[in-house]
Amino acid sequence: MPSQALIWIIVAAVVVIAAIVCLIVWDSKKSRTQKSQSEESQSEKVQSGKPQSEKPRAEKSQSKESQSKESPAPQPSGAQQIASQDAAAAGAAASAEPAVEVTVESAVETSVAEESAKAAESQESQESQASQESQASQEPAATAAAPAESPEGKESRLTRLRSRLSKSANPFGKALFNILTKDNLSEADWEDIEDTLILADVGAETSAQIVDDLRADARVHSNKDASEVRATLRRMLLEQVGEDADRSLAAERADAHKPSVIIMVGVNGTGKTTTAGKLARLFVAEGKSVVLGAADTFRAAAADQLETWGSHVGVPVVRADHDGADPASVAFDAAQKAVDSQADVLIIDTAGRLQNKANLMDELGKIRRVVEKKLPVDEVLLVLDATTGQNGMVQARVFSEAIGVTGVALTKLDGSAKGGIVICVQKELGVPVKLVGLGEGPDDLAPFDPAGFVDGILGD
């Protein structure tokens, strides 16, 4: 009996121990499964952020798991089971900490990657915009050179300028007419006529000749009809102005060189640079292609002023890269530009003031010689301010001797008493007045019309 009870006790103990062992094994498997799932989820997170660096960890975890599955654990004792549970808990805590670190590192790397992507997109956008601007700035030269304005034609300019002359105050013609319509002309009256002509800057010699012609004309003494007197005076003034003179510019002739070179000369203040710009507009209105050369490197604003004129009608301007550059070099570059672009006309603006007169004339002569190495110089236009009167004649003679003037452009010829400079300058230089300007407008420059000029100063 006692032995039988002992056997049952042993059996019961074995059953209890087996149950405990089974329970421990089941808990151990359950913890391993949870740990494996946690490591797999962590591995997937790491692979999404940094696949290459975290792949060995996942492989190591899988290796450990396979090893644990292949080698079954021995039947541990109760103390070993408790120690195993503690170690498992410690291992789970230790494995959780690296996972947190990996997750934080992955989040930081993901943020950096996003910022890098945004920076790359911004840079690509800027490069695309810069490329578009570069393409826009490199459009064909023909498009850039398209005239922004349509200059006024020659015929309408002549009509408008003639109207301005006739409507302006001109004591010159009125004074002569009032004297010549008197019943009896005394010697004092003839002296008044001569004084009026001199004050109008006709010149002493030319004034005396006109008075002599009027004295000899029997119609002046015998006929006091106003229209007859005006017709006589008009005929004599036209003879002095030179109605039949050739006033065409060389660039407008059938045998003109291409490009036809025009050099503008004159002292500063006469409107030389402005006249060059207006002349370019006149040629553009006639359908000619023009190149401007800014060889006035002495005056700081001259090149900028000329460039402004050219930009309005799409005319290119060749200028120096710094103030005080060699004007002859600029003129040569302008000549080369005109040849390369097959322009019809090259207009070169020159300086009107240097340290002294000798330096200025030497510089102008050098400009002409340098240009003629590339192109023949067809025209040298002297720009004179009509209001300066006889003072302008001194300038005219100096320039004519230095560079050889072929024509005159008179500015500010508003029909005042100074209009007689037209007669005087032609007599002194032996060259015709070819261009005349009456205002500050961009198209207030036109070919000189002798008949319109005389009619204007006579008040017709």
Protein backbone atom coordinates (compact mmCIF):
# COMPACT_ATOMS: atom_id res chain seq x y z
CA MET A 1 0.00 0.00 0.00
CA PRO A 2 2.65 2.52 0.86
CA SER A 3 4.60 1.64 -2.26
CA GLN A 4 1.49 1.98 -4.37
CA ALA A 5 0.83 5.44 -2.97
CA LEU A 6 4.39 6.41 -3.58
CA ILE A 7 4.08 5.34 -7.19
CA TRP A 8 0.98 7.48 -7.66
CA ILE A 9 2.67 10.41 -6.05
CA ILE A 10 5.62 10.04 -8.41
CA VAL A 11 3.32 9.75 -11.41
CA ALA A 12 1.42 12.84 -10.34
CA ALA A 13 4.65 14.71 -9.86
CA VAL A 14 5.85 13.68 -13.31
CA VAL A 15 2.57 14.79 -14.85
CA VAL A 16 2.78 18.14 -13.11
CA ILE A 17 6.38 18.60 -14.15
CA ALA A 18 5.52 17.65 -17.74
CA ALA A 19 2.67 20.14 -17.73
CA ILE A 20 4.96 22.84 -16.40
CA VAL A 21 7.59 22.04 -19.02
CA CYS A 22 4.97 22.15 -21.79
CA LEU A 23 3.73 25.49 -20.53
CA ILE A 24 7.28 26.90 -20.45
CA VAL A 25 8.01 25.63 -23.95
CA TRP A 26 4.77 27.12 -25.26
CA ASP A 27 5.56 30.52 -23.65
CA SER A 28 9.08 30.39 -25.08
CA LYS A 29 7.80 29.71 -28.61
CA LYS A 30 5.22 32.47 -28.27
CA SER A 31 7.89 35.02 -27.22
CA ARG A 32 10.16 33.94 -30.07
CA THR A 33 7.31 34.40 -32.58
CA GLN A 34 6.56 37.90 -31.27
CA LYS A 35 10.25 38.81 -31.33
CA SER A 36 10.61 37.54 -34.90
CA GLN A 37 7.57 39.57 -36.05
CA SER A 38 8.96 42.69 -34.32
CA GLU A 39 12.34 42.26 -35.98
CA GLU A 40 10.74 41.71 -39.39
CA SER A 41 8.67 44.90 -39.08
CA GLN A 42 11.75 46.83 -37.99
CA SER A 43 13.71 45.36 -40.90
CA GLU A 44 11.01 46.49 -43.35
CA LYS A 45 11.13 50.05 -41.92
CA VAL A 46 14.90 50.15 -42.17
CA GLN A 47 14.84 48.80 -45.72
CA SER A 48 12.40 51.53 -46.79
CA GLY A 49 14.77 54.24 -45.47
CA LYS A 50 18.21 52.73 -46.08
CA PRO A 51 18.08 49.37 -47.82
CA GLN A 52 21.78 48.71 -48.27
CA SER A 53 22.99 49.45 -44.72
CA GLU A 54 20.25 47.58 -42.83
CA LYS A 55 20.05 44.43 -44.97
CA PRO A 56 22.78 42.57 -42.99
CA ARG A 57 20.78 43.03 -39.77
CA ALA A 58 17.68 41.42 -41.29
CA GLU A 59 19.79 38.56 -42.63
CA LYS A 60 21.39 38.07 -39.19
CA SER A 61 17.96 37.99 -37.52
CA GLN A 62 16.72 35.40 -40.00
CA SER A 63 19.88 33.31 -39.42
CA LYS A 64 19.35 33.34 -35.66
CA GLU A 65 15.73 32.35 -36.06
CA SER A 66 16.59 29.46 -38.38
CA GLN A 67 19.24 28.24 -35.97
CA SER A 68 16.77 28.29 -33.09
CA LYS A 69 14.29 26.31 -35.15
CA GLU A 70 16.81 23.68 -36.30
CA SER A 71 18.36 22.94 -32.87
CA PRO A 72 15.62 22.09 -30.27
CA ALA A 73 16.22 23.42 -26.80
CA PRO A 74 17.08 20.87 -24.06
CA GLN A 75 14.74 20.26 -21.16
CA PRO A 76 15.82 22.97 -18.69
CA SER A 77 15.39 22.87 -14.98
CA GLY A 78 13.15 25.26 -13.06
CA ALA A 79 16.00 27.63 -12.24
CA GLN A 80 17.21 27.52 -15.81
CA GLN A 81 13.69 28.23 -17.03
CA ILE A 82 13.44 31.31 -14.82
CA ALA A 83 16.91 32.48 -15.93
CA SER A 84 15.90 31.86 -19.53
CA GLN A 85 12.77 33.98 -19.11
CA ASP A 86 14.80 36.83 -17.54
CA ALA A 87 17.37 36.63 -20.35
CA ALA A 88 14.59 36.63 -22.93
CA ALA A 89 13.03 39.72 -21.37
CA ALA A 90 16.45 41.47 -21.23
CA GLY A 91 17.12 40.49 -24.87
CA ALA A 92 13.76 41.87 -25.96
CA ALA A 93 14.48 45.17 -24.20
CA ALA A 94 17.97 45.30 -25.71
CA SER A 95 16.63 44.56 -29.19
CA ALA A 96 13.95 47.24 -28.82
CA GLU A 97 16.53 50.02 -28.20
CA PRO A 98 18.42 49.55 -31.53
CA ALA A 99 15.11 49.49 -33.33
CA VAL A 100 14.25 52.88 -31.90
CA GLU A 101 17.67 54.20 -32.91
CA VAL A 102 17.32 52.79 -36.42
CA THR A 103 13.86 54.29 -36.74
CA VAL A 104 15.10 57.78 -35.72
CA GLU A 105 18.09 57.50 -38.02
CA SER A 106 15.84 56.42 -40.87
CA ALA A 107 13.49 59.37 -40.27
CA VAL A 108 16.41 61.83 -40.29
CA GLU A 109 17.82 60.34 -43.48
CA THR A 110 14.37 60.44 -45.09
CA SER A 111 14.03 64.16 -44.18
CA VAL A 112 17.47 64.93 -45.60
CA ALA A 113 16.61 63.04 -48.78
CA GLU A 114 13.37 65.05 -49.17
CA GLU A 115 15.22 68.34 -48.67
CA SER A 116 17.86 67.30 -51.23
CA ALA A 117 15.11 66.41 -53.70
CA LYS A 118 13.46 69.82 -53.18
CA ALA A 119 16.80 71.60 -53.63
CA ALA A 120 17.44 69.63 -56.82
CA GLU A 121 13.99 70.56 -58.18
CA SER A 122 14.60 74.24 -57.32
CA GLN A 123 17.98 74.16 -59.06
CA GLU A 124 16.47 72.51 -62.13
CA SER A 125 13.75 75.18 -62.20
CA GLN A 126 16.34 77.97 -62.00
CA GLU A 127 18.46 76.36 -64.72
CA SER A 128 15.39 76.01 -66.92
CA GLN A 129 14.48 79.67 -66.41
CA ALA A 130 18.07 80.74 -67.12
CA SER A 131 18.05 78.63 -70.28
CA GLN A 132 14.84 80.27 -71.46
CA GLU A 133 16.26 83.75 -70.81
CA SER A 134 19.45 82.82 -72.63
CA GLN A 135 17.47 81.61 -75.62
CA ALA A 136 15.41 84.80 -75.60
CA SER A 137 18.57 86.93 -75.52
CA GLN A 138 20.06 84.97 -78.43
CA GLU A 139 17.25 85.64 -80.87
CA PRO A 140 18.25 86.43 -84.46
CA ALA A 141 19.91 89.78 -84.96
CA ALA A 142 17.33 90.68 -87.57
CA THR A 143 14.57 90.50 -84.96
CA ALA A 144 16.55 92.60 -82.47
CA ALA A 145 17.34 95.17 -85.13
CA ALA A 146 13.73 95.59 -86.23
CA PRO A 147 12.84 99.30 -86.18
CA ALA A 148 10.75 100.24 -83.17
CA GLU A 149 9.57 103.44 -84.86
CA SER A 150 8.62 104.47 -88.39
CA PRO A 151 10.44 107.72 -89.24
CA GLU A 152 8.72 110.38 -91.27
CA GLY A 153 9.36 110.46 -95.03
CA LYS A 154 11.28 113.14 -96.89
CA GLU A 155 8.36 114.82 -98.66
CA SER A 156 6.28 115.35 -95.55
CA ARG A 157 9.35 116.72 -93.76
CA LEU A 158 9.89 119.34 -96.47
CA THR A 159 6.26 120.45 -96.32
CA ARG A 160 6.30 120.73 -92.55
CA LEU A 161 9.61 122.58 -92.40
CA ARG A 162 8.51 125.05 -95.08
CA SER A 163 5.36 125.74 -93.07
CA ARG A 164 7.40 126.37 -89.95
CA LEU A 165 9.64 128.84 -91.76
CA SER A 166 6.72 130.81 -93.12
CA LYS A 167 5.00 131.02 -89.72
CA SER A 168 8.09 131.99 -87.74
CA ALA A 169 9.23 135.50 -86.90
CA ASN A 170 11.74 136.61 -89.54
CA PRO A 171 12.63 140.30 -89.47
CA PHE A 172 15.04 139.70 -92.31
CA GLY A 173 12.50 139.36 -95.11
CA LYS A 174 9.94 141.73 -93.59
CA ALA A 175 12.49 144.51 -93.12
CA LEU A 176 13.68 144.26 -96.70
CA PHE A 177 10.15 144.22 -98.05
CA ASN A 178 9.07 147.24 -96.00
CA ILE A 179 12.03 149.28 -97.25
CA LEU A 180 11.69 148.30 -100.90
CA THR A 181 7.99 149.20 -101.04
CA LYS A 182 8.61 152.87 -100.16
CA ASP A 183 7.72 155.49 -102.78
CA ASN A 184 11.18 156.99 -102.91
CA LEU A 185 14.33 155.20 -101.75
CA SER A 186 16.94 157.53 -100.36
CA GLU A 187 20.57 156.74 -99.76
CA ALA A 188 19.73 156.07 -96.12
CA ASP A 189 17.16 153.50 -97.21
CA TRP A 190 19.78 151.64 -99.23
CA GLU A 191 22.06 151.68 -96.25
CA ASP A 192 19.26 150.25 -94.14
CA ILE A 193 18.82 147.44 -96.63
CA GLU A 194 22.53 146.65 -96.46
CA ASP A 195 22.52 146.79 -92.65
CA THR A 196 19.54 144.44 -92.54
CA LEU A 197 21.34 141.92 -94.72
CA ILE A 198 24.50 142.13 -92.59
CA LEU A 199 22.50 141.66 -89.38
CA ALA A 200 20.96 138.60 -90.97
CA ASP A 201 24.49 137.14 -91.27
CA VAL A 202 24.44 137.27 -95.04
CA GLY A 203 27.95 138.69 -94.89
CA ALA A 204 29.31 142.15 -95.77
CA GLU A 205 30.50 141.29 -99.26
CA THR A 206 27.33 139.44 -100.24
CA SER A 207 25.13 142.17 -98.73
CA ALA A 208 26.85 144.84 -100.79
CA GLN A 209 26.39 142.75 -103.94
CA ILE A 210 22.67 142.27 -103.29
CA VAL A 211 22.19 146.03 -102.76
CA ASP A 212 24.02 146.81 -105.99
CA ASP A 213 21.82 144.36 -107.89
CA LEU A 214 18.69 145.94 -106.43
CA ARG A 215 19.86 149.45 -107.34
CA ALA A 216 20.48 148.39 -110.90
CA ASP A 217 17.12 146.75 -111.30
CA ALA A 218 14.86 149.24 -113.02
CA ARG A 219 11.76 147.41 -111.88
CA VAL A 220 12.46 148.32 -108.28
CA HIS A 221 12.47 152.03 -109.15
CA SER A 222 9.66 152.07 -111.66
CA ASN A 223 7.17 149.66 -110.10
CA LYS A 224 6.00 149.94 -106.50
CA ASP A 225 3.59 147.03 -106.70
CA ALA A 226 4.17 144.85 -103.65
CA SER A 227 4.00 141.56 -105.56
CA GLU A 228 6.55 142.78 -108.11
CA VAL A 229 8.93 143.92 -105.39
CA ARG A 230 8.58 140.59 -103.60
CA ALA A 231 9.20 138.67 -106.84
CA THR A 232 12.34 140.68 -107.54
CA LEU A 233 13.68 140.18 -104.02
CA ARG A 234 12.87 136.45 -104.14
CA ARG A 235 14.72 136.01 -107.44
CA MET A 236 17.82 137.75 -106.15
CA LEU A 237 17.90 135.77 -102.90
CA LEU A 238 17.50 132.49 -104.80
CA GLU A 239 20.47 133.45 -106.96
CA GLN A 240 22.54 134.02 -103.83
CA VAL A 241 21.39 130.81 -102.16
CA GLY A 242 22.05 128.78 -105.29
CA GLU A 243 18.83 127.20 -106.48
CA ASP A 244 20.52 124.89 -108.99
CA ALA A 245 23.29 123.56 -106.72
CA ASP A 246 23.54 119.80 -106.25
CA ARG A 247 22.50 119.22 -102.63
CA SER A 248 22.03 115.47 -102.74
CA LEU A 249 23.95 113.32 -100.30
CA ALA A 250 26.53 110.96 -101.78
CA ALA A 251 24.68 107.95 -100.30
CA GLU A 252 21.57 108.86 -102.34
CA ARG A 253 23.29 108.88 -105.70
CA ALA A 254 23.12 106.01 -108.16
CA ASP A 255 26.91 105.57 -108.22
CA ALA A 256 27.31 105.67 -104.44
CA HIS A 257 29.69 103.26 -102.75
CA LYS A 258 28.24 100.61 -100.49
CA PRO A 259 28.57 101.23 -97.64
CA SER A 260 28.63 104.98 -98.23
CA VAL A 261 30.63 106.69 -95.46
CA ILE A 262 29.55 109.99 -93.89
CA ILE A 263 31.75 111.68 -91.27
CA MET A 264 30.04 114.27 -89.07
CA VAL A 265 32.27 117.13 -87.88
CA GLY A 266 31.68 120.31 -85.89
CA VAL A 267 32.26 121.83 -82.47
CA ASN A 268 30.34 120.61 -79.44
CA GLY A 269 27.03 122.34 -78.86
CA THR A 270 25.99 122.64 -82.49
CA GLY A 271 23.87 119.46 -82.36
CA LYS A 272 26.36 117.23 -84.18
CA THR A 273 25.50 113.95 -82.43
CA THR A 274 21.78 114.72 -82.57
CA THR A 275 22.06 115.48 -86.29
CA ALA A 276 23.84 112.14 -86.84
CA GLY A 277 20.97 110.34 -85.12
CA LYS A 278 18.34 112.26 -87.09
CA LEU A 279 20.18 111.58 -90.34
CA ALA A 280 20.11 107.86 -89.56
CA ARG A 281 16.32 108.12 -89.18
CA LEU A 282 16.08 109.88 -92.55
CA PHE A 283 17.95 107.03 -94.27
CA VAL A 284 15.84 104.41 -92.48
CA ALA A 285 12.70 106.19 -93.75
CA GLU A 286 14.12 105.74 -97.28
CA GLY A 287 14.57 102.02 -96.70
CA LYS A 288 18.36 102.05 -96.26
CA SER A 289 20.30 100.05 -93.69
CA VAL A 290 22.56 102.15 -91.47
CA VAL A 291 25.45 101.64 -89.03
CA LEU A 292 26.44 104.37 -86.56
CA GLY A 293 29.99 104.81 -85.27
CA ALA A 294 30.40 106.61 -81.92
CA ALA A 295 33.92 108.00 -82.46
CA ASP A 296 33.33 110.94 -80.10
CA THR A 297 35.11 109.27 -77.17
CA PHE A 298 36.10 112.58 -75.58
CA ARG A 299 32.59 113.49 -74.43
CA ALA A 300 31.32 110.88 -71.96
CA ALA A 301 27.63 110.96 -72.94
CA ALA A 302 28.11 111.09 -76.71
CA ALA A 303 28.10 107.32 -77.27
CA ASP A 304 25.07 106.84 -74.98
CA GLN A 305 23.22 109.60 -76.81
CA LEU A 306 23.96 108.08 -80.20
CA GLU A 307 22.98 104.61 -78.98
CA THR A 308 19.61 105.98 -77.85
CA TRP A 309 18.97 107.42 -81.32
CA GLY A 310 19.96 104.14 -82.96
CA SER A 311 17.81 101.98 -80.69
CA HIS A 312 14.65 103.86 -81.69
CA VAL A 313 14.94 102.78 -85.32
CA GLY A 314 16.90 99.54 -84.95
CA VAL A 315 20.26 100.93 -86.11
CA PRO A 316 23.36 99.26 -84.57
CA VAL A 317 25.96 101.51 -82.91
CA VAL A 318 29.67 100.67 -82.70
CA ARG A 319 31.23 102.25 -79.61
CA ALA A 320 34.32 101.98 -77.42
CA ASP A 321 34.30 99.88 -74.26
CA HIS A 322 35.60 102.82 -72.18
CA ASP A 323 35.70 106.62 -72.28
CA GLY A 324 38.77 108.21 -73.81
CA ALA A 325 39.47 105.32 -76.21
CA ASP A 326 41.16 105.92 -79.55
CA PRO A 327 38.44 107.39 -81.81
CA ALA A 328 40.22 106.24 -84.96
CA SER A 329 40.05 102.66 -83.69
CA VAL A 330 36.30 103.00 -83.10
CA ALA A 331 35.86 104.42 -86.61
CA PHE A 332 37.77 101.49 -88.10
CA ASP A 333 35.65 98.97 -86.17
CA ALA A 334 32.51 100.75 -87.38
CA ALA A 335 33.73 100.51 -90.97
CA GLN A 336 34.36 96.79 -90.51
CA LYS A 337 30.89 96.35 -89.02
CA ALA A 338 29.31 98.18 -91.98
CA VAL A 339 31.17 95.94 -94.44
CA ASP A 340 30.30 92.73 -92.60
CA SER A 341 26.61 93.63 -92.34
CA GLN A 342 26.49 94.95 -95.95
CA ALA A 343 24.96 98.22 -94.75
CA ASP A 344 24.02 100.98 -97.17
CA VAL A 345 25.33 103.86 -95.05
CA LEU A 346 27.93 104.32 -92.31
CA ILE A 347 27.62 107.52 -90.24
CA ILE A 348 30.57 108.34 -87.97
CA ASP A 349 30.15 110.89 -85.19
CA THR A 350 33.37 112.64 -84.15
CA ALA A 351 34.59 114.76 -81.26
CA GLY A 352 34.16 118.52 -81.37
CA ARG A 353 36.54 119.41 -78.57
CA LEU A 354 40.00 118.28 -77.52
CA GLN A 355 42.80 119.96 -75.59
CA ASN A 356 43.36 122.46 -78.37
CA LYS A 357 42.44 123.09 -81.99
CA ALA A 358 45.55 121.43 -83.40
CA ASN A 359 44.84 118.17 -81.54
CA LEU A 360 41.25 118.14 -82.76
CA MET A 361 42.20 118.63 -86.40
CA ASP A 362 44.95 116.00 -86.21
CA GLU A 363 42.47 113.55 -84.71
CA LEU A 364 39.91 114.18 -87.45
CA GLY A 365 42.53 113.71 -90.13
CA LYS A 366 43.60 110.43 -88.52
CA ILE A 367 40.00 109.20 -88.42
CA ARG A 368 39.58 109.84 -92.12
CA ARG A 369 42.87 108.12 -93.02
CA VAL A 370 42.06 105.05 -90.93
CA VAL A 371 38.55 104.69 -92.37
CA GLU A 372 39.85 105.06 -95.91
CA LYS A 373 42.00 101.98 -95.38
CA LYS A 374 38.72 100.07 -95.32
CA LEU A 375 36.22 102.24 -97.22
CA PRO A 376 36.29 105.45 -99.26
CA VAL A 377 34.90 108.48 -97.44
CA ASP A 378 32.13 109.90 -99.63
CA GLU A 379 30.83 112.69 -97.41
CA VAL A 380 32.08 115.03 -94.67
CA LEU A 381 29.20 117.04 -93.24
CA LEU A 382 29.94 120.13 -91.17
CA VAL A 383 27.23 120.75 -88.56
CA LEU A 384 26.69 124.46 -87.83
CA ASP A 385 24.34 126.21 -85.45
CA ALA A 386 22.53 128.81 -87.56
CA THR A 387 22.05 131.07 -84.54
CA THR A 388 25.83 131.55 -84.08
CA GLY A 389 26.00 133.61 -87.24
CA GLN A 390 29.44 134.82 -88.29
CA ASN A 391 31.10 133.01 -85.37
CA GLY A 392 30.17 129.78 -87.11
CA MET A 393 32.12 130.86 -90.18
CA VAL A 394 35.40 130.72 -88.26
CA GLN A 395 34.59 127.12 -87.29
CA ALA A 396 33.60 126.29 -90.84
CA ARG A 397 36.88 127.48 -92.32
CA VAL A 398 38.99 125.54 -89.79
CA PHE A 399 37.15 122.26 -90.35
CA SER A 400 37.15 122.70 -94.10
CA GLU A 401 40.91 123.10 -94.16
CA ALA A 402 41.51 120.13 -91.82
CA ILE A 403 39.34 117.37 -93.24
CA GLY A 404 37.73 118.63 -96.45
CA VAL A 405 34.05 119.46 -95.99
CA THR A 406 31.63 118.39 -98.74
CA GLY A 407 28.41 119.81 -97.32
CA VAL A 408 26.82 121.70 -94.43
CA ALA A 409 24.01 120.74 -92.05
CA LEU A 410 22.44 123.82 -90.45
CA THR A 411 20.65 123.31 -87.15
CA LYS A 412 18.21 125.62 -85.36
CA LEU A 413 17.33 127.41 -88.58
CA ASP A 414 14.00 128.78 -87.37
CA GLY A 415 13.58 131.63 -89.85
CA SER A 416 15.08 134.28 -87.58
CA ALA A 417 17.45 137.01 -88.71
CA LYS A 418 20.33 134.54 -88.51
CA GLY A 419 18.99 132.65 -91.54
CA GLY A 420 21.34 134.60 -93.78
CA ILE A 421 24.15 132.27 -92.70
CA VAL A 422 23.00 129.95 -95.47
CA ILE A 423 24.20 132.39 -98.10
CA CYS A 424 27.37 133.29 -96.26
CA VAL A 425 28.59 129.76 -95.53
CA GLN A 426 28.12 128.67 -99.12
CA LYS A 427 30.04 131.70 -100.38
CA GLU A 428 32.91 131.15 -97.94
CA LEU A 429 33.31 127.37 -98.26
CA GLY A 430 32.12 126.79 -101.81
CA VAL A 431 30.02 123.82 -100.65
CA PRO A 432 26.21 123.65 -100.47
CA VAL A 433 23.97 123.47 -97.44
CA LYS A 434 22.53 119.97 -97.71
CA LEU A 435 20.51 119.52 -94.52
CA VAL A 436 18.52 121.85 -92.33
CA GLY A 437 16.85 121.42 -88.95
CA LEU A 438 14.15 123.62 -87.45
CA GLY A 439 13.25 121.90 -84.20
CA GLU A 440 14.06 119.34 -81.54
CA GLY A 441 11.75 116.60 -82.79
CA PRO A 442 13.27 113.33 -84.03
CA ASP A 443 12.18 114.03 -87.61
CA ASP A 444 12.93 117.77 -87.68
CA LEU A 445 15.73 117.31 -90.21
CA ALA A 446 15.24 117.48 -93.96
CA PRO A 447 17.16 118.16 -97.16
CA PHE A 448 17.66 121.88 -97.69
CA ASP A 449 15.11 123.36 -100.07
CA PRO A 450 16.28 126.77 -101.40
CA ALA A 451 12.86 127.84 -102.66
CA GLY A 452 11.15 126.88 -99.43
CA PHE A 453 13.83 128.66 -97.42
CA VAL A 454 13.53 131.95 -99.36
CA ASP A 455 9.74 131.84 -99.31
CA GLY A 456 9.90 131.24 -95.58
CA ILE A 457 12.11 134.22 -94.77
CA LEU A 458 10.02 136.44 -97.06
CA GLY A 459 6.87 135.40 -95.24
CA ASP A 460 5.19 133.58 -98.14
